[in-house]
Amino acid sequence: MGNYFNKLGINEVHDQISIIISDMSEAEIQKLLDSMSEAGIQKLLKGLEKRRQSGLVDKRKYYRRHSSIYAICETDQCYFRDFIKDVSAEGLFIETETSLSIGDELFINFFHPDSKISIRTSGKIVRIDPKGVGVKLYDTIPDI
């Protein structure tokens, strides 16, 4: 497994580890912690404390869940279908090549990843990067 992670960039490793942990049951997480040495856990905690002090820790109010959720999206100017790559109760990131602008209002339809209930929501584009757009939702999504 070490060789697999060595071939990935740090962001991809982070994403893979986050996905693995978010899909683990409480018992599986406890088993993982039990298998780690006390020195290893202390080293991780010291690293986390350094990141907190440097301001590199995620300060989101709600947990962000990595995903691949098919979404139908619409603005005043266009209609497109792409994938939500991460979602939280108050925002989401849509991987897209569609030309959009910060401040655009976006209407999104998708199925909740666990319950498969149809979600219709809207928000404002607050971030754009080469892979897609970050959307701040007007209303929170329950149970994400």
C-alpha atoms as a PDB file:
ATOM      1  CA  MET A   1       0.000   0.000   0.000  1.00  0.00           C
ATOM      2  CA  GLY A   2       2.924   2.351   0.678  1.00  0.00           C
ATOM      3  CA  ASN A   3       3.957   2.129  -2.974  1.00  0.00           C
ATOM      4  CA  TYR A   4       0.432   3.065  -4.079  1.00  0.00           C
ATOM      5  CA  PHE A   5       0.414   6.245  -1.989  1.00  0.00           C
ATOM      6  CA  ASN A   6       3.983   7.119  -3.084  1.00  0.00           C
ATOM      7  CA  LYS A   7       2.729   7.436  -6.678  1.00  0.00           C
ATOM      8  CA  LEU A   8       0.085  10.028  -5.715  1.00  0.00           C
ATOM      9  CA  GLY A   9       0.422  13.703  -4.878  1.00  0.00           C
ATOM     10  CA  ILE A  10      -0.279  14.883  -1.340  1.00  0.00           C
ATOM     11  CA  ASN A  11      -3.792  16.117  -2.229  1.00  0.00           C
ATOM     12  CA  GLU A  12      -4.731  12.766  -3.745  1.00  0.00           C
ATOM     13  CA  VAL A  13      -3.349  10.910  -0.699  1.00  0.00           C
ATOM     14  CA  HIS A  14      -5.356  13.193   1.601  1.00  0.00           C
ATOM     15  CA  ASP A  15      -8.519  12.593  -0.437  1.00  0.00           C
ATOM     16  CA  GLN A  16      -8.001   8.808  -0.467  1.00  0.00           C
ATOM     17  CA  ILE A  17      -7.362   8.640   3.285  1.00  0.00           C
ATOM     18  CA  SER A  18     -10.368  10.884   3.992  1.00  0.00           C
ATOM     19  CA  ILE A  19     -12.610   8.645   1.902  1.00  0.00           C
ATOM     20  CA  ILE A  20     -11.324   5.513   3.630  1.00  0.00           C
ATOM     21  CA  ILE A  21     -11.859   6.937   7.121  1.00  0.00           C
ATOM     22  CA  SER A  22     -15.269   8.461   6.351  1.00  0.00           C
ATOM     23  CA  ASP A  23     -16.489   5.055   5.164  1.00  0.00           C
ATOM     24  CA  MET A  24     -15.209   3.201   8.257  1.00  0.00           C
ATOM     25  CA  SER A  25     -17.516   2.104  11.052  1.00  0.00           C
ATOM     26  CA  GLU A  26     -16.844   3.160  14.641  1.00  0.00           C
ATOM     27  CA  ALA A  27     -15.558  -0.354  15.400  1.00  0.00           C
ATOM     28  CA  GLU A  28     -13.151  -0.228  12.437  1.00  0.00           C
ATOM     29  CA  ILE A  29     -11.810   3.151  13.546  1.00  0.00           C
ATOM     30  CA  GLN A  30     -11.317   1.840  17.081  1.00  0.00           C
ATOM     31  CA  LYS A  31      -9.476  -1.212  15.704  1.00  0.00           C
ATOM     32  CA  LEU A  32      -7.207   1.101  13.686  1.00  0.00           C
ATOM     33  CA  LEU A  33      -6.473   3.227  16.748  1.00  0.00           C
ATOM     34  CA  ASP A  34      -5.807   0.108  18.838  1.00  0.00           C
ATOM     35  CA  SER A  35      -3.247  -1.049  16.263  1.00  0.00           C
ATOM     36  CA  MET A  36      -1.306   2.210  16.432  1.00  0.00           C
ATOM     37  CA  SER A  37       1.442   2.750  18.981  1.00  0.00           C
ATOM     38  CA  GLU A  38       1.075   5.439  21.617  1.00  0.00           C
ATOM     39  CA  ALA A  39       4.172   7.159  20.195  1.00  0.00           C
ATOM     40  CA  GLY A  40       2.603   7.164  16.706  1.00  0.00           C
ATOM     41  CA  ILE A  41      -0.620   8.701  17.990  1.00  0.00           C
ATOM     42  CA  GLN A  42       1.337  11.339  19.967  1.00  0.00           C
ATOM     43  CA  LYS A  43       3.312  12.222  16.813  1.00  0.00           C
ATOM     44  CA  LEU A  44       0.069  12.682  14.848  1.00  0.00           C
ATOM     45  CA  LEU A  45      -1.412  14.863  17.604  1.00  0.00           C
ATOM     46  CA  LYS A  46       1.725  17.052  17.728  1.00  0.00           C
ATOM     47  CA  GLY A  47       1.563  17.492  13.945  1.00  0.00           C
ATOM     48  CA  LEU A  48      -2.105  18.455  14.163  1.00  0.00           C
ATOM     49  CA  GLU A  49      -1.347  20.993  16.896  1.00  0.00           C
ATOM     50  CA  LYS A  50       1.370  22.571  14.702  1.00  0.00           C
ATOM     51  CA  ARG A  51      -1.112  22.786  11.812  1.00  0.00           C
ATOM     52  CA  ARG A  52      -3.715  24.397  14.083  1.00  0.00           C
ATOM     53  CA  GLN A  53      -1.194  26.992  15.247  1.00  0.00           C
ATOM     54  CA  SER A  54      -0.140  27.734  11.657  1.00  0.00           C
ATOM     55  CA  GLY A  55      -3.758  28.139  10.515  1.00  0.00           C
ATOM     56  CA  LEU A  56      -3.652  25.181   8.073  1.00  0.00           C
ATOM     57  CA  VAL A  57      -6.517  23.250   9.695  1.00  0.00           C
ATOM     58  CA  ASP A  58      -9.907  23.195   7.982  1.00  0.00           C
ATOM     59  CA  LYS A  59     -12.101  25.689   9.854  1.00  0.00           C
ATOM     60  CA  ARG A  60     -15.414  24.758   8.287  1.00  0.00           C
ATOM     61  CA  LYS A  61     -18.433  24.722  10.574  1.00  0.00           C
ATOM     62  CA  TYR A  62     -19.747  21.468   9.051  1.00  0.00           C
ATOM     63  CA  TYR A  63     -17.980  18.227   8.145  1.00  0.00           C
ATOM     64  CA  ARG A  64     -17.073  17.983   4.448  1.00  0.00           C
ATOM     65  CA  ARG A  65     -17.821  14.608   2.871  1.00  0.00           C
ATOM     66  CA  HIS A  66     -15.884  13.497  -0.206  1.00  0.00           C
ATOM     67  CA  SER A  67     -18.236  12.102  -2.818  1.00  0.00           C
ATOM     68  CA  SER A  68     -19.034  11.569  -6.445  1.00  0.00           C
ATOM     69  CA  ILE A  69     -22.680  12.572  -6.730  1.00  0.00           C
ATOM     70  CA  TYR A  70     -24.292  13.178 -10.099  1.00  0.00           C
ATOM     71  CA  ALA A  71     -25.904  16.629 -10.144  1.00  0.00           C
ATOM     72  CA  ILE A  72     -28.057  18.623 -12.532  1.00  0.00           C
ATOM     73  CA  CYS A  73     -27.209  22.324 -12.322  1.00  0.00           C
ATOM     74  CA  GLU A  74     -28.665  25.498 -13.751  1.00  0.00           C
ATOM     75  CA  THR A  75     -27.804  29.206 -13.798  1.00  0.00           C
ATOM     76  CA  ASP A  76     -29.570  32.058 -15.553  1.00  0.00           C
ATOM     77  CA  GLN A  77     -27.257  31.495 -18.538  1.00  0.00           C
ATOM     78  CA  CYS A  78     -26.734  27.718 -18.741  1.00  0.00           C
ATOM     79  CA  TYR A  79     -27.737  24.186 -17.804  1.00  0.00           C
ATOM     80  CA  PHE A  80     -25.154  21.446 -17.149  1.00  0.00           C
ATOM     81  CA  ARG A  81     -24.626  18.065 -15.528  1.00  0.00           C
ATOM     82  CA  ASP A  82     -21.516  17.263 -13.530  1.00  0.00           C
ATOM     83  CA  PHE A  83     -20.404  15.651 -10.281  1.00  0.00           C
ATOM     84  CA  ILE A  84     -20.354  16.980  -6.738  1.00  0.00           C
ATOM     85  CA  LYS A  85     -16.919  15.977  -5.431  1.00  0.00           C
ATOM     86  CA  ASP A  86     -17.462  17.039  -1.836  1.00  0.00           C
ATOM     87  CA  VAL A  87     -20.463  18.196   0.111  1.00  0.00           C
ATOM     88  CA  SER A  88     -21.240  19.588   3.545  1.00  0.00           C
ATOM     89  CA  ALA A  89     -24.428  20.847   5.148  1.00  0.00           C
ATOM     90  CA  GLU A  90     -23.728  24.385   3.928  1.00  0.00           C
ATOM     91  CA  GLY A  91     -21.755  24.025   0.716  1.00  0.00           C
ATOM     92  CA  LEU A  92     -20.412  21.819  -2.036  1.00  0.00           C
ATOM     93  CA  PHE A  93     -17.755  21.596  -4.724  1.00  0.00           C
ATOM     94  CA  ILE A  94     -18.819  20.697  -8.259  1.00  0.00           C
ATOM     95  CA  GLU A  95     -16.200  19.385 -10.644  1.00  0.00           C
ATOM     96  CA  THR A  96     -17.001  21.078 -13.942  1.00  0.00           C
ATOM     97  CA  GLU A  97     -15.490  22.624 -17.049  1.00  0.00           C
ATOM     98  CA  THR A  98     -18.552  24.847 -17.517  1.00  0.00           C
ATOM     99  CA  SER A  99     -17.665  28.546 -17.639  1.00  0.00           C
ATOM    100  CA  LEU A 100     -19.140  30.147 -14.502  1.00  0.00           C
ATOM    101  CA  SER A 101     -18.428  33.272 -12.449  1.00  0.00           C
ATOM    102  CA  ILE A 102     -18.110  34.056  -8.773  1.00  0.00           C
ATOM    103  CA  GLY A 103     -21.443  35.403  -7.586  1.00  0.00           C
ATOM    104  CA  ASP A 104     -23.518  33.365 -10.059  1.00  0.00           C
ATOM    105  CA  GLU A 105     -26.627  31.859  -8.505  1.00  0.00           C
ATOM    106  CA  LEU A 106     -26.739  28.098  -9.031  1.00  0.00           C
ATOM    107  CA  PHE A 107     -29.723  25.740  -8.734  1.00  0.00           C
ATOM    108  CA  ILE A 108     -28.710  22.124  -8.024  1.00  0.00           C
ATOM    109  CA  ASN A 109     -30.626  18.827  -8.067  1.00  0.00           C
ATOM    110  CA  PHE A 110     -29.060  15.612  -6.755  1.00  0.00           C
ATOM    111  CA  PHE A 111     -29.799  12.565  -4.641  1.00  0.00           C
ATOM    112  CA  HIS A 112     -28.694  12.474  -1.000  1.00  0.00           C
ATOM    113  CA  PRO A 113     -25.722  10.051  -0.848  1.00  0.00           C
ATOM    114  CA  ASP A 114     -27.215   7.907   1.946  1.00  0.00           C
ATOM    115  CA  SER A 115     -30.992   8.122   1.775  1.00  0.00           C
ATOM    116  CA  LYS A 116     -31.273   8.617  -2.011  1.00  0.00           C
ATOM    117  CA  ILE A 117     -33.859  11.326  -1.366  1.00  0.00           C
ATOM    118  CA  SER A 118     -33.941  13.964  -4.081  1.00  0.00           C
ATOM    119  CA  ILE A 119     -32.419  17.256  -2.943  1.00  0.00           C
ATOM    120  CA  ARG A 120     -33.191  20.550  -4.654  1.00  0.00           C
ATOM    121  CA  THR A 121     -31.135  23.424  -3.397  1.00  0.00           C
ATOM    122  CA  SER A 122     -29.514  26.640  -4.494  1.00  0.00           C
ATOM    123  CA  GLY A 123     -26.569  28.781  -3.619  1.00  0.00           C
ATOM    124  CA  LYS A 124     -24.001  31.240  -4.818  1.00  0.00           C
ATOM    125  CA  ILE A 125     -20.658  30.406  -6.430  1.00  0.00           C
ATOM    126  CA  VAL A 126     -17.980  31.616  -4.020  1.00  0.00           C
ATOM    127  CA  ARG A 127     -14.851  29.953  -5.420  1.00  0.00           C
ATOM    128  CA  ILE A 128     -13.575  28.921  -8.827  1.00  0.00           C
ATOM    129  CA  ASP A 129     -10.496  26.823  -9.526  1.00  0.00           C
ATOM    130  CA  PRO A 130      -9.301  24.816 -12.547  1.00  0.00           C
ATOM    131  CA  LYS A 131     -11.244  21.728 -11.418  1.00  0.00           C
ATOM    132  CA  GLY A 132     -14.597  23.352 -10.689  1.00  0.00           C
ATOM    133  CA  VAL A 133     -16.616  25.642  -8.434  1.00  0.00           C
ATOM    134  CA  GLY A 134     -17.322  26.002  -4.726  1.00  0.00           C
ATOM    135  CA  VAL A 135     -20.926  26.807  -3.869  1.00  0.00           C
ATOM    136  CA  LYS A 136     -22.178  28.324  -0.599  1.00  0.00           C
ATOM    137  CA  LEU A 137     -25.744  27.063  -0.148  1.00  0.00           C
ATOM    138  CA  TYR A 138     -28.549  29.385   0.898  1.00  0.00           C
ATOM    139  CA  ASP A 139     -30.072  26.718   3.160  1.00  0.00           C
ATOM    140  CA  THR A 140     -28.293  23.888   4.949  1.00  0.00           C
ATOM    141  CA  ILE A 141     -28.744  20.275   3.820  1.00  0.00           C
ATOM    142  CA  PRO A 142     -29.700  18.046   6.774  1.00  0.00           C
ATOM    143  CA  ASP A 143     -27.832  14.831   7.610  1.00  0.00           C
ATOM    144  CA  ILE A 144     -24.860  15.210   5.261  1.00  0.00           C
END
